Amino acid sequence: MTAEPGEWPPLAWLFNAERLAGEIPDFFGFFLLNLKWLEVVSRVQTVERTME
């Protein structure tokens, strides 16, 4: 059940229970970390603008 090169993996493979248990929480953790980082960066930029 492998995807052909250049194709999206089939949904059944994406939502495989093992992948749900392993990779998806890591992905969400990474995504939330990036959101937090963007929030911090935007706050710093706002502070820099008000100091100018």
PDB file of N, CA and C in Angstrom:
ATOM      1  N   MET A   1       0.849  -1.203   0.000  1.00  0.00           N
ATOM      2  CA  MET A   1       0.000   0.000   0.000  1.00  0.00           C
ATOM      3  C   MET A   1       0.882   1.250   0.000  1.00  0.00           C
ATOM      4  N   THR A   2       1.717   1.345  -0.992  1.00  0.00           N
ATOM      5  CA  THR A   2       2.610   2.499  -1.094  1.00  0.00           C
ATOM      6  C   THR A   2       2.134   3.408  -2.211  1.00  0.00           C
ATOM      7  N   ALA A   3       2.366   4.706  -2.034  1.00  0.00           N
ATOM      8  CA  ALA A   3       1.983   5.678  -3.057  1.00  0.00           C
ATOM      9  C   ALA A   3       3.012   5.675  -4.173  1.00  0.00           C
ATOM     10  N   GLU A   4       2.537   5.913  -5.372  1.00  0.00           N
ATOM     11  CA  GLU A   4       3.454   6.067  -6.499  1.00  0.00           C
ATOM     12  C   GLU A   4       4.277   7.334  -6.298  1.00  0.00           C
ATOM     13  N   PRO A   5       5.509   7.366  -6.791  1.00  0.00           N
ATOM     14  CA  PRO A   5       6.308   8.594  -6.654  1.00  0.00           C
ATOM     15  C   PRO A   5       5.582   9.789  -7.270  1.00  0.00           C
ATOM     16  N   GLY A   6       5.584  10.892  -6.538  1.00  0.00           N
ATOM     17  CA  GLY A   6       4.914  12.093  -7.030  1.00  0.00           C
ATOM     18  C   GLY A   6       3.434  12.160  -6.703  1.00  0.00           C
ATOM     19  N   GLU A   7       2.882  11.134  -6.069  1.00  0.00           N
ATOM     20  CA  GLU A   7       1.464  11.150  -5.690  1.00  0.00           C
ATOM     21  C   GLU A   7       1.326  11.323  -4.188  1.00  0.00           C
ATOM     22  N   TRP A   8       0.196  11.868  -3.788  1.00  0.00           N
ATOM     23  CA  TRP A   8      -0.102  11.920  -2.356  1.00  0.00           C
ATOM     24  C   TRP A   8      -0.318  10.511  -1.861  1.00  0.00           C
ATOM     25  N   PRO A   9       0.130  10.206  -0.639  1.00  0.00           N
ATOM     26  CA  PRO A   9      -0.164   8.873  -0.090  1.00  0.00           C
ATOM     27  C   PRO A   9      -1.674   8.701   0.077  1.00  0.00           C
ATOM     28  N   PRO A  10      -2.165   7.483  -0.080  1.00  0.00           N
ATOM     29  CA  PRO A  10      -3.608   7.263   0.096  1.00  0.00           C
ATOM     30  C   PRO A  10      -4.058   7.614   1.519  1.00  0.00           C
ATOM     31  N   LEU A  11      -5.302   8.035   1.637  1.00  0.00           N
ATOM     32  CA  LEU A  11      -5.840   8.440   2.943  1.00  0.00           C
ATOM     33  C   LEU A  11      -5.766   7.313   3.960  1.00  0.00           C
ATOM     34  N   ALA A  12      -6.011   6.093   3.516  1.00  0.00           N
ATOM     35  CA  ALA A  12      -5.955   4.965   4.444  1.00  0.00           C
ATOM     36  C   ALA A  12      -4.560   4.847   5.060  1.00  0.00           C
ATOM     37  N   TRP A  13      -3.539   5.145   4.278  1.00  0.00           N
ATOM     38  CA  TRP A  13      -2.169   5.102   4.798  1.00  0.00           C
ATOM     39  C   TRP A  13      -1.930   6.274   5.740  1.00  0.00           C
ATOM     40  N   LEU A  14      -2.416   7.461   5.365  1.00  0.00           N
ATOM     41  CA  LEU A  14      -2.228   8.645   6.211  1.00  0.00           C
ATOM     42  C   LEU A  14      -2.863   8.469   7.579  1.00  0.00           C
ATOM     43  N   PHE A  15      -4.039   7.850   7.608  1.00  0.00           N
ATOM     44  CA  PHE A  15      -4.771   7.731   8.861  1.00  0.00           C
ATOM     45  C   PHE A  15      -4.592   6.365   9.510  1.00  0.00           C
ATOM     46  N   ASN A  16      -3.537   5.674   9.124  1.00  0.00           N
ATOM     47  CA  ASN A  16      -3.177   4.406   9.763  1.00  0.00           C
ATOM     48  C   ASN A  16      -3.004   4.642  11.265  1.00  0.00           C
ATOM     49  N   ALA A  17      -3.468   3.693  12.070  1.00  0.00           N
ATOM     50  CA  ALA A  17      -3.454   3.862  13.530  1.00  0.00           C
ATOM     51  C   ALA A  17      -2.045   4.108  14.076  1.00  0.00           C
ATOM     52  N   GLU A  18      -1.059   3.418  13.541  1.00  0.00           N
ATOM     53  CA  GLU A  18       0.311   3.588  14.020  1.00  0.00           C
ATOM     54  C   GLU A  18       0.812   5.007  13.751  1.00  0.00           C
ATOM     55  N   ARG A  19       0.478   5.533  12.593  1.00  0.00           N
ATOM     56  CA  ARG A  19       0.908   6.880  12.259  1.00  0.00           C
ATOM     57  C   ARG A  19       0.178   7.889  13.139  1.00  0.00           C
ATOM     58  N   LEU A  20      -1.111   7.642  13.382  1.00  0.00           N
ATOM     59  CA  LEU A  20      -1.860   8.531  14.275  1.00  0.00           C
ATOM     60  C   LEU A  20      -1.211   8.573  15.650  1.00  0.00           C
ATOM     61  N   ALA A  21      -0.798   7.402  16.128  1.00  0.00           N
ATOM     62  CA  ALA A  21      -0.205   7.336  17.457  1.00  0.00           C
ATOM     63  C   ALA A  21       1.164   8.006  17.488  1.00  0.00           C
ATOM     64  N   GLY A  22       1.909   7.937  16.384  1.00  0.00           N
ATOM     65  CA  GLY A  22       3.287   8.424  16.394  1.00  0.00           C
ATOM     66  C   GLY A  22       3.482   9.798  15.809  1.00  0.00           C
ATOM     67  N   GLU A  23       3.218   9.950  14.514  1.00  0.00           N
ATOM     68  CA  GLU A  23       3.691  11.146  13.814  1.00  0.00           C
ATOM     69  C   GLU A  23       2.758  12.337  13.931  1.00  0.00           C
ATOM     70  N   ILE A  24       1.456  12.105  13.972  1.00  0.00           N
ATOM     71  CA  ILE A  24       0.532  13.240  13.944  1.00  0.00           C
ATOM     72  C   ILE A  24       0.656  14.122  15.190  1.00  0.00           C
ATOM     73  N   PRO A  25       0.739  13.563  16.406  1.00  0.00           N
ATOM     74  CA  PRO A  25       0.964  14.442  17.561  1.00  0.00           C
ATOM     75  C   PRO A  25       2.269  15.241  17.443  1.00  0.00           C
ATOM     76  N   ASP A  26       3.315  14.630  16.895  1.00  0.00           N
ATOM     77  CA  ASP A  26       4.564  15.359  16.679  1.00  0.00           C
ATOM     78  C   ASP A  26       4.337  16.526  15.728  1.00  0.00           C
ATOM     79  N   PHE A  27       3.570  16.279  14.672  1.00  0.00           N
ATOM     80  CA  PHE A  27       3.277  17.329  13.702  1.00  0.00           C
ATOM     81  C   PHE A  27       2.523  18.472  14.377  1.00  0.00           C
ATOM     82  N   PHE A  28       1.504  18.139  15.162  1.00  0.00           N
ATOM     83  CA  PHE A  28       0.737  19.189  15.835  1.00  0.00           C
ATOM     84  C   PHE A  28       1.588  19.941  16.840  1.00  0.00           C
ATOM     85  N   GLY A  29       2.462  19.215  17.541  1.00  0.00           N
ATOM     86  CA  GLY A  29       3.366  19.876  18.479  1.00  0.00           C
ATOM     87  C   GLY A  29       4.273  20.860  17.765  1.00  0.00           C
ATOM     88  N   PHE A  30       4.791  20.443  16.625  1.00  0.00           N
ATOM     89  CA  PHE A  30       5.660  21.303  15.824  1.00  0.00           C
ATOM     90  C   PHE A  30       4.883  22.515  15.310  1.00  0.00           C
ATOM     91  N   PHE A  31       3.651  22.275  14.864  1.00  0.00           N
ATOM     92  CA  PHE A  31       2.794  23.339  14.348  1.00  0.00           C
ATOM     93  C   PHE A  31       2.503  24.368  15.449  1.00  0.00           C
ATOM     94  N   LEU A  32       2.149  23.886  16.639  1.00  0.00           N
ATOM     95  CA  LEU A  32       1.860  24.797  17.752  1.00  0.00           C
ATOM     96  C   LEU A  32       3.103  25.569  18.166  1.00  0.00           C
ATOM     97  N   LEU A  33       4.261  24.905  18.126  1.00  0.00           N
ATOM     98  CA  LEU A  33       5.519  25.573  18.440  1.00  0.00           C
ATOM     99  C   LEU A  33       5.773  26.707  17.447  1.00  0.00           C
ATOM    100  N   ASN A  34       5.514  26.444  16.169  1.00  0.00           N
ATOM    101  CA  ASN A  34       5.688  27.480  15.155  1.00  0.00           C
ATOM    102  C   ASN A  34       4.721  28.639  15.363  1.00  0.00           C
ATOM    103  N   LEU A  35       3.469  28.341  15.735  1.00  0.00           N
ATOM    104  CA  LEU A  35       2.507  29.410  16.013  1.00  0.00           C
ATOM    105  C   LEU A  35       2.986  30.280  17.163  1.00  0.00           C
ATOM    106  N   LYS A  36       3.498  29.633  18.215  1.00  0.00           N
ATOM    107  CA  LYS A  36       3.986  30.364  19.388  1.00  0.00           C
ATOM    108  C   LYS A  36       5.159  31.254  18.978  1.00  0.00           C
ATOM    109  N   TRP A  37       6.066  30.705  18.175  1.00  0.00           N
ATOM    110  CA  TRP A  37       7.237  31.451  17.706  1.00  0.00           C
ATOM    111  C   TRP A  37       6.800  32.671  16.891  1.00  0.00           C
ATOM    112  N   LEU A  38       5.826  32.484  15.980  1.00  0.00           N
ATOM    113  CA  LEU A  38       5.328  33.610  15.174  1.00  0.00           C
ATOM    114  C   LEU A  38       4.712  34.683  16.065  1.00  0.00           C
ATOM    115  N   GLU A  39       4.018  34.258  17.106  1.00  0.00           N
ATOM    116  CA  GLU A  39       3.404  35.207  18.040  1.00  0.00           C
ATOM    117  C   GLU A  39       4.481  36.031  18.738  1.00  0.00           C
ATOM    118  N   VAL A  40       5.533  35.378  19.186  1.00  0.00           N
ATOM    119  CA  VAL A  40       6.636  36.069  19.863  1.00  0.00           C
ATOM    120  C   VAL A  40       7.297  37.056  18.905  1.00  0.00           C
ATOM    121  N   VAL A  41       7.575  36.606  17.674  1.00  0.00           N
ATOM    122  CA  VAL A  41       8.226  37.472  16.685  1.00  0.00           C
ATOM    123  C   VAL A  41       7.366  38.697  16.388  1.00  0.00           C
ATOM    124  N   SER A  42       6.063  38.506  16.221  1.00  0.00           N
ATOM    125  CA  SER A  42       5.197  39.649  15.918  1.00  0.00           C
ATOM    126  C   SER A  42       5.140  40.626  17.092  1.00  0.00           C
ATOM    127  N   ARG A  43       5.169  40.111  18.315  1.00  0.00           N
ATOM    128  CA  ARG A  43       5.192  40.997  19.491  1.00  0.00           C
ATOM    129  C   ARG A  43       6.474  41.814  19.529  1.00  0.00           C
ATOM    130  N   VAL A  44       7.591  41.180  19.245  1.00  0.00           N
ATOM    131  CA  VAL A  44       8.880  41.885  19.232  1.00  0.00           C
ATOM    132  C   VAL A  44       8.855  42.977  18.169  1.00  0.00           C
ATOM    133  N   GLN A  45       8.341  42.667  17.001  1.00  0.00           N
ATOM    134  CA  GLN A  45       8.268  43.672  15.930  1.00  0.00           C
ATOM    135  C   GLN A  45       7.369  44.831  16.333  1.00  0.00           C
ATOM    136  N   THR A  46       6.278  44.538  17.015  1.00  0.00           N
ATOM    137  CA  THR A  46       5.377  45.599  17.476  1.00  0.00           C
ATOM    138  C   THR A  46       6.093  46.509  18.475  1.00  0.00           C
ATOM    139  N   VAL A  47       6.829  45.925  19.392  1.00  0.00           N
ATOM    140  CA  VAL A  47       7.576  46.706  20.381  1.00  0.00           C
ATOM    141  C   VAL A  47       8.624  47.577  19.677  1.00  0.00           C
ATOM    142  N   GLU A  48       9.318  47.013  18.701  1.00  0.00           N
ATOM    143  CA  GLU A  48      10.326  47.778  17.966  1.00  0.00           C
ATOM    144  C   GLU A  48       9.688  48.970  17.239  1.00  0.00           C
ATOM    145  N   ARG A  49       8.510  48.781  16.678  1.00  0.00           N
ATOM    146  CA  ARG A  49       7.841  49.879  15.963  1.00  0.00           C
ATOM    147  C   ARG A  49       7.433  50.991  16.926  1.00  0.00           C
ATOM    148  N   THR A  50       6.954  50.620  18.109  1.00  0.00           N
ATOM    149  CA  THR A  50       6.518  51.649  19.058  1.00  0.00           C
ATOM    150  C   THR A  50       7.712  52.415  19.627  1.00  0.00           C
ATOM    151  N   MET A  51       8.892  51.802  19.658  1.00  0.00           N
ATOM    152  CA  MET A  51      10.080  52.484  20.181  1.00  0.00           C
ATOM    153  C   MET A  51      10.690  53.444  19.168  1.00  0.00           C
ATOM    154  N   GLU A  52      10.350  53.275  17.880  1.00  0.00           N
ATOM    155  CA  GLU A  52      10.942  54.151  16.854  1.00  0.00           C
ATOM    156  C   GLU A  52      10.419  55.579  16.968  1.00  0.00           C
TER     157      GLU A  52
END
